[in-house]
Amino acid sequence: MLNKIILIGRLTKDVEMRYTESGKAVAHFTIAADRPYKGEKETDFIPIVVWGKQAENCSNYISKGRLVAVSGRLQTRSYEAEGGRRYVTEVVADEVKFLDKPKESEQSDYDGNQEAFEQNVPF
C-alpha cells in the first residue's frame, strides 16, 4: 500500500508554530493549490502539518503568499468537540521545499544572500 502526496501551492496565511508538552516543534499552515475543472481552474485549500526542525524552518523562513512544494502522506483523524465528533483530513509533510525567493521585506532576514540561505536550510 502507498500513501504519498505531492503538492505545490501558496501559503494562505503565515505559519502557526507551537511546541508539544514534550518539546517537539509542530507547524500548521494551509496552501492553496489549483486544479483543472471543466476547462477552468478551481482552488483547493489543503491543511499541512510539519514536525521537528523542518517545522521551525517553515516558521522562520516562509510566510503568507510564498510558493512551496510539499510531499508527505494524507492523514484523517477525529476528535471530540462541542457539538459532536469532528473529522480532519490533512497532509503530514515529510519534506517542504521553498520554491520562490523571499519578498523584499523579508530579504533582511537572509542578509540579502538567497544562495547562502538555500544552502543552509536543512531538508
PDB file of N, CA and C in Angstrom:
ATOM      1  N   MET A   1       0.838  -1.177   0.000  1.00  0.00           N
ATOM      2  CA  MET A   1       0.000   0.000   0.000  1.00  0.00           C
ATOM      3  C   MET A   1       0.886   1.245   0.000  1.00  0.00           C
ATOM      4  N   LEU A   2       0.362   2.298  -0.564  1.00  0.00           N
ATOM      5  CA  LEU A   2       1.130   3.525  -0.686  1.00  0.00           C
ATOM      6  C   LEU A   2       0.240   4.716  -0.348  1.00  0.00           C
ATOM      7  N   ASN A   3       0.735   5.588   0.481  1.00  0.00           N
ATOM      8  CA  ASN A   3       0.042   6.829   0.829  1.00  0.00           C
ATOM      9  C   ASN A   3       1.058   7.947   0.651  1.00  0.00           C
ATOM     10  N   LYS A   4       1.106   8.532  -0.536  1.00  0.00           N
ATOM     11  CA  LYS A   4       2.077   9.573  -0.859  1.00  0.00           C
ATOM     12  C   LYS A   4       1.361  10.678  -1.607  1.00  0.00           C
ATOM     13  N   ILE A   5       1.624  11.913  -1.206  1.00  0.00           N
ATOM     14  CA  ILE A   5       1.005  13.057  -1.857  1.00  0.00           C
ATOM     15  C   ILE A   5       2.071  14.122  -2.092  1.00  0.00           C
ATOM     16  N   ILE A   6       2.013  14.755  -3.264  1.00  0.00           N
ATOM     17  CA  ILE A   6       2.929  15.835  -3.611  1.00  0.00           C
ATOM     18  C   ILE A   6       2.078  17.005  -4.087  1.00  0.00           C
ATOM     19  N   LEU A   7       2.297  18.166  -3.502  1.00  0.00           N
ATOM     20  CA  LEU A   7       1.501  19.356  -3.804  1.00  0.00           C
ATOM     21  C   LEU A   7       2.404  20.558  -4.027  1.00  0.00           C
ATOM     22  N   ILE A   8       1.957  21.475  -4.858  1.00  0.00           N
ATOM     23  CA  ILE A   8       2.603  22.774  -5.000  1.00  0.00           C
ATOM     24  C   ILE A   8       1.511  23.816  -4.835  1.00  0.00           C
ATOM     25  N   GLY A   9       1.772  24.787  -3.973  1.00  0.00           N
ATOM     26  CA  GLY A   9       0.790  25.835  -3.755  1.00  0.00           C
ATOM     27  C   GLY A   9       1.369  26.985  -2.962  1.00  0.00           C
ATOM     28  N   ARG A  10       0.536  27.987  -2.740  1.00  0.00           N
ATOM     29  CA  ARG A  10       0.936  29.176  -1.976  1.00  0.00           C
ATOM     30  C   ARG A  10       0.291  29.161  -0.602  1.00  0.00           C
ATOM     31  N   LEU A  11       1.055  29.616   0.400  1.00  0.00           N
ATOM     32  CA  LEU A  11       0.527  29.701   1.755  1.00  0.00           C
ATOM     33  C   LEU A  11      -0.607  30.726   1.800  1.00  0.00           C
ATOM     34  N   THR A  12      -1.702  30.368   2.457  1.00  0.00           N
ATOM     35  CA  THR A  12      -2.848  31.262   2.553  1.00  0.00           C
ATOM     36  C   THR A  12      -2.737  32.208   3.743  1.00  0.00           C
ATOM     37  N   LYS A  13      -1.863  31.874   4.686  1.00  0.00           N
ATOM     38  CA  LYS A  13      -1.595  32.738   5.840  1.00  0.00           C
ATOM     39  C   LYS A  13      -0.250  32.327   6.417  1.00  0.00           C
ATOM     40  N   ASP A  14       0.230  33.097   7.373  1.00  0.00           N
ATOM     41  CA  ASP A  14       1.517  32.776   7.991  1.00  0.00           C
ATOM     42  C   ASP A  14       1.459  31.441   8.734  1.00  0.00           C
ATOM     43  N   VAL A  15       2.606  30.831   8.889  1.00  0.00           N
ATOM     44  CA  VAL A  15       2.743  29.545   9.577  1.00  0.00           C
ATOM     45  C   VAL A  15       2.413  29.716  11.062  1.00  0.00           C
ATOM     46  N   GLU A  16       1.627  28.774  11.601  1.00  0.00           N
ATOM     47  CA  GLU A  16       1.331  28.747  13.034  1.00  0.00           C
ATOM     48  C   GLU A  16       2.235  27.703  13.675  1.00  0.00           C
ATOM     49  N   MET A  17       3.065  28.140  14.592  1.00  0.00           N
ATOM     50  CA  MET A  17       4.067  27.273  15.210  1.00  0.00           C
ATOM     51  C   MET A  17       3.760  27.087  16.688  1.00  0.00           C
ATOM     52  N   ARG A  18       3.947  25.867  17.186  1.00  0.00           N
ATOM     53  CA  ARG A  18       3.828  25.613  18.620  1.00  0.00           C
ATOM     54  C   ARG A  18       4.725  24.438  18.981  1.00  0.00           C
ATOM     55  N   TYR A  19       4.817  24.177  20.279  1.00  0.00           N
ATOM     56  CA  TYR A  19       5.595  23.042  20.774  1.00  0.00           C
ATOM     57  C   TYR A  19       4.683  22.154  21.599  1.00  0.00           C
ATOM     58  N   THR A  20       4.855  20.838  21.457  1.00  0.00           N
ATOM     59  CA  THR A  20       4.081  19.902  22.261  1.00  0.00           C
ATOM     60  C   THR A  20       4.589  19.946  23.702  1.00  0.00           C
ATOM     61  N   GLU A  21       3.891  19.290  24.606  1.00  0.00           N
ATOM     62  CA  GLU A  21       4.318  19.242  26.002  1.00  0.00           C
ATOM     63  C   GLU A  21       5.696  18.608  26.149  1.00  0.00           C
ATOM     64  N   SER A  22       6.042  17.718  25.228  1.00  0.00           N
ATOM     65  CA  SER A  22       7.359  17.070  25.282  1.00  0.00           C
ATOM     66  C   SER A  22       8.442  17.913  24.603  1.00  0.00           C
ATOM     67  N   GLY A  23       8.064  19.079  24.059  1.00  0.00           N
ATOM     68  CA  GLY A  23       9.042  19.986  23.469  1.00  0.00           C
ATOM     69  C   GLY A  23       9.265  19.826  21.973  1.00  0.00           C
ATOM     70  N   LYS A  24       8.472  18.993  21.317  1.00  0.00           N
ATOM     71  CA  LYS A  24       8.638  18.792  19.878  1.00  0.00           C
ATOM     72  C   LYS A  24       7.911  19.902  19.108  1.00  0.00           C
ATOM     73  N   ALA A  25       8.601  20.468  18.109  1.00  0.00           N
ATOM     74  CA  ALA A  25       8.035  21.545  17.300  1.00  0.00           C
ATOM     75  C   ALA A  25       7.009  20.993  16.312  1.00  0.00           C
ATOM     76  N   VAL A  26       5.899  21.724  16.154  1.00  0.00           N
ATOM     77  CA  VAL A  26       4.890  21.379  15.153  1.00  0.00           C
ATOM     78  C   VAL A  26       4.368  22.668  14.526  1.00  0.00           C
ATOM     79  N   ALA A  27       4.325  22.683  13.205  1.00  0.00           N
ATOM     80  CA  ALA A  27       3.852  23.858  12.477  1.00  0.00           C
ATOM     81  C   ALA A  27       2.641  23.465  11.640  1.00  0.00           C
ATOM     82  N   HIS A  28       1.697  24.403  11.549  1.00  0.00           N
ATOM     83  CA  HIS A  28       0.492  24.213  10.738  1.00  0.00           C
ATOM     84  C   HIS A  28       0.388  25.365   9.756  1.00  0.00           C
ATOM     85  N   PHE A  29       0.048  25.050   8.521  1.00  0.00           N
ATOM     86  CA  PHE A  29      -0.275  26.082   7.547  1.00  0.00           C
ATOM     87  C   PHE A  29      -1.173  25.466   6.479  1.00  0.00           C
ATOM     88  N   THR A  30      -1.774  26.319   5.680  1.00  0.00           N
ATOM     89  CA  THR A  30      -2.652  25.880   4.606  1.00  0.00           C
ATOM     90  C   THR A  30      -2.094  26.400   3.294  1.00  0.00           C
ATOM     91  N   ILE A  31      -2.129  25.538   2.268  1.00  0.00           N
ATOM     92  CA  ILE A  31      -1.724  26.002   0.948  1.00  0.00           C
ATOM     93  C   ILE A  31      -2.936  25.995   0.013  1.00  0.00           C
ATOM     94  N   ALA A  32      -2.913  26.910  -0.932  1.00  0.00           N
ATOM     95  CA  ALA A  32      -3.912  26.966  -1.991  1.00  0.00           C
ATOM     96  C   ALA A  32      -3.278  26.335  -3.226  1.00  0.00           C
ATOM     97  N   ALA A  33      -3.884  25.262  -3.712  1.00  0.00           N
ATOM     98  CA  ALA A  33      -3.361  24.542  -4.874  1.00  0.00           C
ATOM     99  C   ALA A  33      -4.435  24.511  -5.956  1.00  0.00           C
ATOM    100  N   ASP A  34      -4.085  24.973  -7.154  1.00  0.00           N
ATOM    101  CA  ASP A  34      -5.032  24.989  -8.267  1.00  0.00           C
ATOM    102  C   ASP A  34      -5.131  23.618  -8.905  1.00  0.00           C
ATOM    103  N   ARG A  35      -6.321  23.342  -9.484  1.00  0.00           N
ATOM    104  CA  ARG A  35      -6.536  22.118 -10.257  1.00  0.00           C
ATOM    105  C   ARG A  35      -7.520  22.427 -11.378  1.00  0.00           C
ATOM    106  N   PRO A  36      -7.383  21.743 -12.504  1.00  0.00           N
ATOM    107  CA  PRO A  36      -8.319  21.988 -13.601  1.00  0.00           C
ATOM    108  C   PRO A  36      -9.703  21.424 -13.278  1.00  0.00           C
ATOM    109  N   TYR A  37     -10.726  22.137 -13.731  1.00  0.00           N
ATOM    110  CA  TYR A  37     -12.099  21.675 -13.526  1.00  0.00           C
ATOM    111  C   TYR A  37     -12.962  22.211 -14.658  1.00  0.00           C
ATOM    112  N   LYS A  38     -13.443  21.317 -15.507  1.00  0.00           N
ATOM    113  CA  LYS A  38     -14.328  21.672 -16.631  1.00  0.00           C
ATOM    114  C   LYS A  38     -13.771  22.825 -17.460  1.00  0.00           C
ATOM    115  N   GLY A  39     -12.523  22.720 -17.858  1.00  0.00           N
ATOM    116  CA  GLY A  39     -11.912  23.725 -18.703  1.00  0.00           C
ATOM    117  C   GLY A  39     -11.465  24.987 -17.976  1.00  0.00           C
ATOM    118  N   GLU A  40     -11.740  25.085 -16.701  1.00  0.00           N
ATOM    119  CA  GLU A  40     -11.304  26.228 -15.901  1.00  0.00           C
ATOM    120  C   GLU A  40     -10.416  25.692 -14.793  1.00  0.00           C
ATOM    121  N   LYS A  41     -10.173  26.508 -13.786  1.00  0.00           N
ATOM    122  CA  LYS A  41      -9.404  26.003 -12.652  1.00  0.00           C
ATOM    123  C   LYS A  41     -10.150  26.327 -11.364  1.00  0.00           C
ATOM    124  N   GLU A  42     -10.007  25.423 -10.435  1.00  0.00           N
ATOM    125  CA  GLU A  42     -10.537  25.625  -9.094  1.00  0.00           C
ATOM    126  C   GLU A  42      -9.376  25.514  -8.128  1.00  0.00           C
ATOM    127  N   THR A  43      -9.567  26.053  -6.954  1.00  0.00           N
ATOM    128  CA  THR A  43      -8.505  26.038  -5.955  1.00  0.00           C
ATOM    129  C   THR A  43      -8.939  25.209  -4.763  1.00  0.00           C
ATOM    130  N   ASP A  44      -8.047  24.326  -4.339  1.00  0.00           N
ATOM    131  CA  ASP A  44      -8.260  23.553  -3.114  1.00  0.00           C
ATOM    132  C   ASP A  44      -7.396  24.167  -2.018  1.00  0.00           C
ATOM    133  N   PHE A  45      -7.924  24.197  -0.809  1.00  0.00           N
ATOM    134  CA  PHE A  45      -7.191  24.711   0.338  1.00  0.00           C
ATOM    135  C   PHE A  45      -6.860  23.523   1.232  1.00  0.00           C
ATOM    136  N   ILE A  46      -5.572  23.223   1.329  1.00  0.00           N
ATOM    137  CA  ILE A  46      -5.131  21.969   1.935  1.00  0.00           C
ATOM    138  C   ILE A  46      -4.308  22.248   3.188  1.00  0.00           C
ATOM    139  N   PRO A  47      -4.766  21.734   4.342  1.00  0.00           N
ATOM    140  CA  PRO A  47      -4.005  21.917   5.582  1.00  0.00           C
ATOM    141  C   PRO A  47      -2.769  21.022   5.615  1.00  0.00           C
ATOM    142  N   ILE A  48      -1.660  21.611   6.069  1.00  0.00           N
ATOM    143  CA  ILE A  48      -0.375  20.918   6.137  1.00  0.00           C
ATOM    144  C   ILE A  48       0.122  20.936   7.577  1.00  0.00           C
ATOM    145  N   VAL A  49       0.696  19.824   8.027  1.00  0.00           N
ATOM    146  CA  VAL A  49       1.319  19.711   9.347  1.00  0.00           C
ATOM    147  C   VAL A  49       2.767  19.306   9.144  1.00  0.00           C
ATOM    148  N   VAL A  50       3.682  20.000   9.807  1.00  0.00           N
ATOM    149  CA  VAL A  50       5.117  19.709   9.699  1.00  0.00           C
ATOM    150  C   VAL A  50       5.679  19.578  11.107  1.00  0.00           C
ATOM    151  N   TRP A  51       6.562  18.619  11.324  1.00  0.00           N
ATOM    152  CA  TRP A  51       7.121  18.353  12.651  1.00  0.00           C
ATOM    153  C   TRP A  51       8.624  18.618  12.692  1.00  0.00           C
ATOM    154  N   GLY A  52       9.138  18.816  13.903  1.00  0.00           N
ATOM    155  CA  GLY A  52      10.573  18.868  14.162  1.00  0.00           C
ATOM    156  C   GLY A  52      11.271  20.106  13.625  1.00  0.00           C
ATOM    157  N   LYS A  53      12.544  19.923  13.246  1.00  0.00           N
ATOM    158  CA  LYS A  53      13.374  21.026  12.760  1.00  0.00           C
ATOM    159  C   LYS A  53      12.764  21.665  11.512  1.00  0.00           C
ATOM    160  N   GLN A  54      12.179  20.846  10.661  1.00  0.00           N
ATOM    161  CA  GLN A  54      11.556  21.374   9.451  1.00  0.00           C
ATOM    162  C   GLN A  54      10.391  22.302   9.789  1.00  0.00           C
ATOM    163  N   ALA A  55       9.665  22.013  10.875  1.00  0.00           N
ATOM    164  CA  ALA A  55       8.594  22.908  11.326  1.00  0.00           C
ATOM    165  C   ALA A  55       9.167  24.261  11.730  1.00  0.00           C
ATOM    166  N   GLU A  56      10.285  24.249  12.438  1.00  0.00           N
ATOM    167  CA  GLU A  56      10.925  25.500  12.840  1.00  0.00           C
ATOM    168  C   GLU A  56      11.405  26.286  11.624  1.00  0.00           C
ATOM    169  N   ASN A  57      11.966  25.596  10.633  1.00  0.00           N
ATOM    170  CA  ASN A  57      12.408  26.259   9.406  1.00  0.00           C
ATOM    171  C   ASN A  57      11.235  26.902   8.671  1.00  0.00           C
ATOM    172  N   CYS A  58      10.127  26.187   8.584  1.00  0.00           N
ATOM    173  CA  CYS A  58       8.943  26.749   7.934  1.00  0.00           C
ATOM    174  C   CYS A  58       8.478  27.997   8.668  1.00  0.00           C
ATOM    175  N   SER A  59       8.443  27.930   9.976  1.00  0.00           N
ATOM    176  CA  SER A  59       8.005  29.076  10.776  1.00  0.00           C
ATOM    177  C   SER A  59       8.925  30.275  10.587  1.00  0.00           C
ATOM    178  N   ASN A  60      10.217  30.014  10.484  1.00  0.00           N
ATOM    179  CA  ASN A  60      11.203  31.093  10.378  1.00  0.00           C
ATOM    180  C   ASN A  60      11.342  31.676   8.976  1.00  0.00           C
ATOM    181  N   TYR A  61      11.120  30.878   7.934  1.00  0.00           N
ATOM    182  CA  TYR A  61      11.517  31.296   6.597  1.00  0.00           C
ATOM    183  C   TYR A  61      10.408  31.423   5.558  1.00  0.00           C
ATOM    184  N   ILE A  62       9.174  31.015   5.858  1.00  0.00           N
ATOM    185  CA  ILE A  62       8.108  31.208   4.879  1.00  0.00           C
ATOM    186  C   ILE A  62       6.928  31.912   5.537  1.00  0.00           C
ATOM    187  N   SER A  63       6.155  32.586   4.713  1.00  0.00           N
ATOM    188  CA  SER A  63       5.015  33.349   5.194  1.00  0.00           C
ATOM    189  C   SER A  63       3.933  33.372   4.121  1.00  0.00           C
ATOM    190  N   LYS A  64       2.839  34.013   4.420  1.00  0.00           N
ATOM    191  CA  LYS A  64       1.693  34.103   3.523  1.00  0.00           C
ATOM    192  C   LYS A  64       2.144  34.516   2.108  1.00  0.00           C
ATOM    193  N   GLY A  65       1.624  33.779   1.121  1.00  0.00           N
ATOM    194  CA  GLY A  65       1.914  34.091  -0.270  1.00  0.00           C
ATOM    195  C   GLY A  65       3.088  33.352  -0.872  1.00  0.00           C
ATOM    196  N   ARG A  66       3.958  32.757  -0.043  1.00  0.00           N
ATOM    197  CA  ARG A  66       5.136  32.051  -0.552  1.00  0.00           C
ATOM    198  C   ARG A  66       4.726  30.760  -1.246  1.00  0.00           C
ATOM    199  N   LEU A  67       5.444  30.416  -2.312  1.00  0.00           N
ATOM    200  CA  LEU A  67       5.211  29.208  -3.084  1.00  0.00           C
ATOM    201  C   LEU A  67       6.055  28.075  -2.507  1.00  0.00           C
ATOM    202  N   VAL A  68       5.402  26.940  -2.214  1.00  0.00           N
ATOM    203  CA  VAL A  68       6.103  25.792  -1.640  1.00  0.00           C
ATOM    204  C   VAL A  68       5.676  24.504  -2.334  1.00  0.00           C
ATOM    205  N   ALA A  69       6.565  23.525  -2.289  1.00  0.00           N
ATOM    206  CA  ALA A  69       6.248  22.158  -2.696  1.00  0.00           C
ATOM    207  C   ALA A  69       6.256  21.316  -1.430  1.00  0.00           C
ATOM    208  N   VAL A  70       5.234  20.506  -1.259  1.00  0.00           N
ATOM    209  CA  VAL A  70       5.091  19.675  -0.063  1.00  0.00           C
ATOM    210  C   VAL A  70       4.947  18.231  -0.503  1.00  0.00           C
ATOM    211  N   SER A  71       5.717  17.342   0.107  1.00  0.00           N
ATOM    212  CA  SER A  71       5.491  15.913  -0.101  1.00  0.00           C
ATOM    213  C   SER A  71       5.295  15.280   1.268  1.00  0.00           C
ATOM    214  N   GLY A  72       4.402  14.325   1.310  1.00  0.00           N
ATOM    215  CA  GLY A  72       4.095  13.676   2.581  1.00  0.00           C
ATOM    216  C   GLY A  72       2.998  12.653   2.407  1.00  0.00           C
ATOM    217  N   ARG A  73       2.211  12.485   3.465  1.00  0.00           N
ATOM    218  CA  ARG A  73       1.141  11.488   3.429  1.00  0.00           C
ATOM    219  C   ARG A  73      -0.170  12.131   3.859  1.00  0.00           C
ATOM    220  N   LEU A  74      -1.255  11.605   3.344  1.00  0.00           N
ATOM    221  CA  LEU A  74      -2.582  12.065   3.713  1.00  0.00           C
ATOM    222  C   LEU A  74      -3.006  11.368   4.993  1.00  0.00           C
ATOM    223  N   GLN A  75      -3.555  12.126   5.931  1.00  0.00           N
ATOM    224  CA  GLN A  75      -3.958  11.559   7.221  1.00  0.00           C
ATOM    225  C   GLN A  75      -5.345  12.095   7.596  1.00  0.00           C
ATOM    226  N   THR A  76      -6.193  11.215   8.067  1.00  0.00           N
ATOM    227  CA  THR A  76      -7.502  11.604   8.582  1.00  0.00           C
ATOM    228  C   THR A  76      -7.542  11.250  10.057  1.00  0.00           C
ATOM    229  N   ARG A  77      -8.005  12.201  10.865  1.00  0.00           N
ATOM    230  CA  ARG A  77      -8.121  11.963  12.306  1.00  0.00           C
ATOM    231  C   ARG A  77      -9.435  12.560  12.777  1.00  0.00           C
ATOM    232  N   SER A  78      -9.834  12.184  13.979  1.00  0.00           N
ATOM    233  CA  SER A  78     -11.063  12.729  14.536  1.00  0.00           C
ATOM    234  C   SER A  78     -10.836  13.104  15.986  1.00  0.00           C
ATOM    235  N   TYR A  79     -11.693  13.986  16.476  1.00  0.00           N
ATOM    236  CA  TYR A  79     -11.629  14.403  17.873  1.00  0.00           C
ATOM    237  C   TYR A  79     -13.012  14.863  18.318  1.00  0.00           C
ATOM    238  N   GLU A  80     -13.218  14.861  19.630  1.00  0.00           N
ATOM    239  CA  GLU A  80     -14.478  15.323  20.194  1.00  0.00           C
ATOM    240  C   GLU A  80     -14.436  16.834  20.363  1.00  0.00           C
ATOM    241  N   ALA A  81     -15.485  17.486  19.936  1.00  0.00           N
ATOM    242  CA  ALA A  81     -15.586  18.932  20.084  1.00  0.00           C
ATOM    243  C   ALA A  81     -17.017  19.271  20.478  1.00  0.00           C
ATOM    244  N   GLU A  82     -17.206  20.509  20.835  1.00  0.00           N
ATOM    245  CA  GLU A  82     -18.552  20.958  21.158  1.00  0.00           C
ATOM    246  C   GLU A  82     -19.434  20.735  19.937  1.00  0.00           C
ATOM    247  N   GLY A  83     -20.526  20.036  20.125  1.00  0.00           N
ATOM    248  CA  GLY A  83     -21.413  19.751  19.009  1.00  0.00           C
ATOM    249  C   GLY A  83     -21.172  18.405  18.358  1.00  0.00           C
ATOM    250  N   GLY A  84     -20.234  17.599  18.884  1.00  0.00           N
ATOM    251  CA  GLY A  84     -20.034  16.254  18.356  1.00  0.00           C
ATOM    252  C   GLY A  84     -18.632  15.977  17.859  1.00  0.00           C
ATOM    253  N   ARG A  85     -18.515  14.851  17.201  1.00  0.00           N
ATOM    254  CA  ARG A  85     -17.220  14.397  16.693  1.00  0.00           C
ATOM    255  C   ARG A  85     -16.858  15.181  15.438  1.00  0.00           C
ATOM    256  N   ARG A  86     -15.600  15.612  15.346  1.00  0.00           N
ATOM    257  CA  ARG A  86     -15.078  16.347  14.191  1.00  0.00           C
ATOM    258  C   ARG A  86     -14.030  15.503  13.495  1.00  0.00           C
ATOM    259  N   TYR A  87     -14.003  15.601  12.167  1.00  0.00           N
ATOM    260  CA  TYR A  87     -13.031  14.871  11.365  1.00  0.00           C
ATOM    261  C   TYR A  87     -12.155  15.870  10.606  1.00  0.00           C
ATOM    262  N   VAL A  88     -10.868  15.579  10.546  1.00  0.00           N
ATOM    263  CA  VAL A  88      -9.904  16.445   9.878  1.00  0.00           C
ATOM    264  C   VAL A  88      -9.076  15.594   8.923  1.00  0.00           C
ATOM    265  N   THR A  89      -8.944  16.077   7.690  1.00  0.00           N
ATOM    266  CA  THR A  89      -8.042  15.458   6.728  1.00  0.00           C
ATOM    267  C   THR A  89      -6.946  16.466   6.440  1.00  0.00           C
ATOM    268  N   GLU A  90      -5.693  16.038   6.564  1.00  0.00           N
ATOM    269  CA  GLU A  90      -4.559  16.944   6.394  1.00  0.00           C
ATOM    270  C   GLU A  90      -3.388  16.179   5.805  1.00  0.00           C
ATOM    271  N   VAL A  91      -2.406  16.927   5.329  1.00  0.00           N
ATOM    272  CA  VAL A  91      -1.168  16.328   4.822  1.00  0.00           C
ATOM    273  C   VAL A  91      -0.110  16.469   5.899  1.00  0.00           C
ATOM    274  N   VAL A  92       0.481  15.357   6.295  1.00  0.00           N
ATOM    275  CA  VAL A  92       1.614  15.365   7.213  1.00  0.00           C
ATOM    276  C   VAL A  92       2.860  15.359   6.332  1.00  0.00           C
ATOM    277  N   ALA A  93       3.571  16.486   6.342  1.00  0.00           N
ATOM    278  CA  ALA A  93       4.685  16.679   5.413  1.00  0.00           C
ATOM    279  C   ALA A  93       5.942  15.955   5.873  1.00  0.00           C
ATOM    280  N   ASP A  94       6.581  15.290   4.924  1.00  0.00           N
ATOM    281  CA  ASP A  94       7.913  14.733   5.129  1.00  0.00           C
ATOM    282  C   ASP A  94       8.952  15.745   4.670  1.00  0.00           C
ATOM    283  N   GLU A  95       8.565  16.554   3.662  1.00  0.00           N
ATOM    284  CA  GLU A  95       9.506  17.500   3.075  1.00  0.00           C
ATOM    285  C   GLU A  95       8.745  18.729   2.584  1.00  0.00           C
ATOM    286  N   VAL A  96       9.308  19.914   2.861  1.00  0.00           N
ATOM    287  CA  VAL A  96       8.771  21.174   2.362  1.00  0.00           C
ATOM    288  C   VAL A  96       9.907  21.909   1.669  1.00  0.00           C
ATOM    289  N   LYS A  97       9.705  22.227   0.404  1.00  0.00           N
ATOM    290  CA  LYS A  97      10.702  22.982  -0.373  1.00  0.00           C
ATOM    291  C   LYS A  97      10.169  24.379  -0.628  1.00  0.00           C
ATOM    292  N   PHE A  98      10.999  25.385  -0.422  1.00  0.00           N
ATOM    293  CA  PHE A  98      10.634  26.767  -0.703  1.00  0.00           C
ATOM    294  C   PHE A  98      10.951  27.007  -2.175  1.00  0.00           C
ATOM    295  N   LEU A  99       9.951  27.401  -2.969  1.00  0.00           N
ATOM    296  CA  LEU A  99      10.129  27.488  -4.414  1.00  0.00           C
ATOM    297  C   LEU A  99      10.344  28.897  -4.947  1.00  0.00           C
ATOM    298  N   ASP A 100      10.120  29.900  -4.138  1.00  0.00           N
ATOM    299  CA  ASP A 100      10.349  31.256  -4.620  1.00  0.00           C
ATOM    300  C   ASP A 100      11.234  32.008  -3.639  1.00  0.00           C
ATOM    301  N   LYS A 101      11.694  33.146  -4.082  1.00  0.00           N
ATOM    302  CA  LYS A 101      12.545  33.969  -3.229  1.00  0.00           C
ATOM    303  C   LYS A 101      11.689  34.745  -2.243  1.00  0.00           C
ATOM    304  N   PRO A 102      12.266  35.122  -1.108  1.00  0.00           N
ATOM    305  CA  PRO A 102      11.517  35.923  -0.135  1.00  0.00           C
ATOM    306  C   PRO A 102      11.138  37.279  -0.727  1.00  0.00           C
ATOM    307  N   LYS A 103      10.048  37.841  -0.212  1.00  0.00           N
ATOM    308  CA  LYS A 103       9.653  39.194  -0.606  1.00  0.00           C
ATOM    309  C   LYS A 103      10.730  40.169  -0.165  1.00  0.00           C
ATOM    310  N   GLU A 104      10.730  41.342  -0.777  1.00  0.00           N
ATOM    311  CA  GLU A 104      11.718  42.374  -0.436  1.00  0.00           C
ATOM    312  C   GLU A 104      11.749  42.642   1.063  1.00  0.00           C
ATOM    313  N   SER A 105      10.584  42.684   1.696  1.00  0.00           N
ATOM    314  CA  SER A 105      10.522  42.995   3.129  1.00  0.00           C
ATOM    315  C   SER A 105      11.133  41.893   3.981  1.00  0.00           C
ATOM    316  N   GLU A 106      11.237  40.659   3.432  1.00  0.00           N
ATOM    317  CA  GLU A 106      11.812  39.545   4.179  1.00  0.00           C
ATOM    318  C   GLU A 106      13.300  39.367   3.897  1.00  0.00           C
ATOM    319  N   GLN A 107      13.828  40.045   2.889  1.00  0.00           N
ATOM    320  CA  GLN A 107      15.217  39.855   2.494  1.00  0.00           C
ATOM    321  C   GLN A 107      16.194  40.108   3.633  1.00  0.00           C
ATOM    322  N   SER A 108      15.899  41.063   4.516  1.00  0.00           N
ATOM    323  CA  SER A 108      16.827  41.387   5.592  1.00  0.00           C
ATOM    324  C   SER A 108      17.064  40.198   6.514  1.00  0.00           C
ATOM    325  N   ASP A 109      16.089  39.275   6.606  1.00  0.00           N
ATOM    326  CA  ASP A 109      16.262  38.087   7.437  1.00  0.00           C
ATOM    327  C   ASP A 109      17.355  37.177   6.893  1.00  0.00           C
ATOM    328  N   TYR A 110      17.664  37.305   5.603  1.00  0.00           N
ATOM    329  CA  TYR A 110      18.626  36.419   4.977  1.00  0.00           C
ATOM    330  C   TYR A 110      19.887  37.162   4.573  1.00  0.00           C
ATOM    331  N   ASP A 111      20.072  38.360   5.064  1.00  0.00           N
ATOM    332  CA  ASP A 111      21.235  39.183   4.731  1.00  0.00           C
ATOM    333  C   ASP A 111      21.369  39.400   3.228  1.00  0.00           C
ATOM    334  N   GLY A 112      20.252  39.353   2.510  1.00  0.00           N
ATOM    335  CA  GLY A 112      20.257  39.596   1.071  1.00  0.00           C
ATOM    336  C   GLY A 112      20.956  38.520   0.271  1.00  0.00           C
ATOM    337  N   ASN A 113      21.293  37.403   0.878  1.00  0.00           N
ATOM    338  CA  ASN A 113      22.040  36.359   0.187  1.00  0.00           C
ATOM    339  C   ASN A 113      21.176  35.106   0.074  1.00  0.00           C
ATOM    340  N   GLN A 114      20.326  35.049  -0.937  1.00  0.00           N
ATOM    341  CA  GLN A 114      19.405  33.932  -1.119  1.00  0.00           C
ATOM    342  C   GLN A 114      20.151  32.618  -1.316  1.00  0.00           C
ATOM    343  N   GLU A 115      21.261  32.637  -2.051  1.00  0.00           N
ATOM    344  CA  GLU A 115      22.010  31.409  -2.306  1.00  0.00           C
ATOM    345  C   GLU A 115      22.516  30.799  -1.001  1.00  0.00           C
ATOM    346  N   ALA A 116      23.064  31.610  -0.116  1.00  0.00           N
ATOM    347  CA  ALA A 116      23.541  31.111   1.174  1.00  0.00           C
ATOM    348  C   ALA A 116      22.375  30.583   2.006  1.00  0.00           C
ATOM    349  N   PHE A 117      21.245  31.279   1.945  1.00  0.00           N
ATOM    350  CA  PHE A 117      20.058  30.830   2.684  1.00  0.00           C
ATOM    351  C   PHE A 117      19.645  29.443   2.223  1.00  0.00           C
ATOM    352  N   GLU A 118      19.577  29.225   0.904  1.00  0.00           N
ATOM    353  CA  GLU A 118      19.139  27.940   0.380  1.00  0.00           C
ATOM    354  C   GLU A 118      20.104  26.822   0.766  1.00  0.00           C
ATOM    355  N   GLN A 119      21.381  27.119   0.847  1.00  0.00           N
ATOM    356  CA  GLN A 119      22.362  26.090   1.194  1.00  0.00           C
ATOM    357  C   GLN A 119      22.349  25.767   2.686  1.00  0.00           C
ATOM    358  N   ASN A 120      21.906  26.696   3.522  1.00  0.00           N
ATOM    359  CA  ASN A 120      21.973  26.486   4.961  1.00  0.00           C
ATOM    360  C   ASN A 120      20.692  25.974   5.592  1.00  0.00           C
ATOM    361  N   VAL A 121      19.620  25.871   4.829  1.00  0.00           N
ATOM    362  CA  VAL A 121      18.373  25.373   5.399  1.00  0.00           C
ATOM    363  C   VAL A 121      18.314  23.864   5.155  1.00  0.00           C
ATOM    364  N   PRO A 122      18.391  23.065   6.221  1.00  0.00           N
ATOM    365  CA  PRO A 122      18.410  21.609   6.060  1.00  0.00           C
ATOM    366  C   PRO A 122      17.031  21.033   5.780  1.00  0.00           C
ATOM    367  N   PHE A 123      16.928  20.199   4.758  1.00  0.00           N
ATOM    368  CA  PHE A 123      15.686  19.489   4.465  1.00  0.00           C
ATOM    369  C   PHE A 123      15.965  18.049   4.295  1.00  0.00           C
TER     370      PHE A 123
END
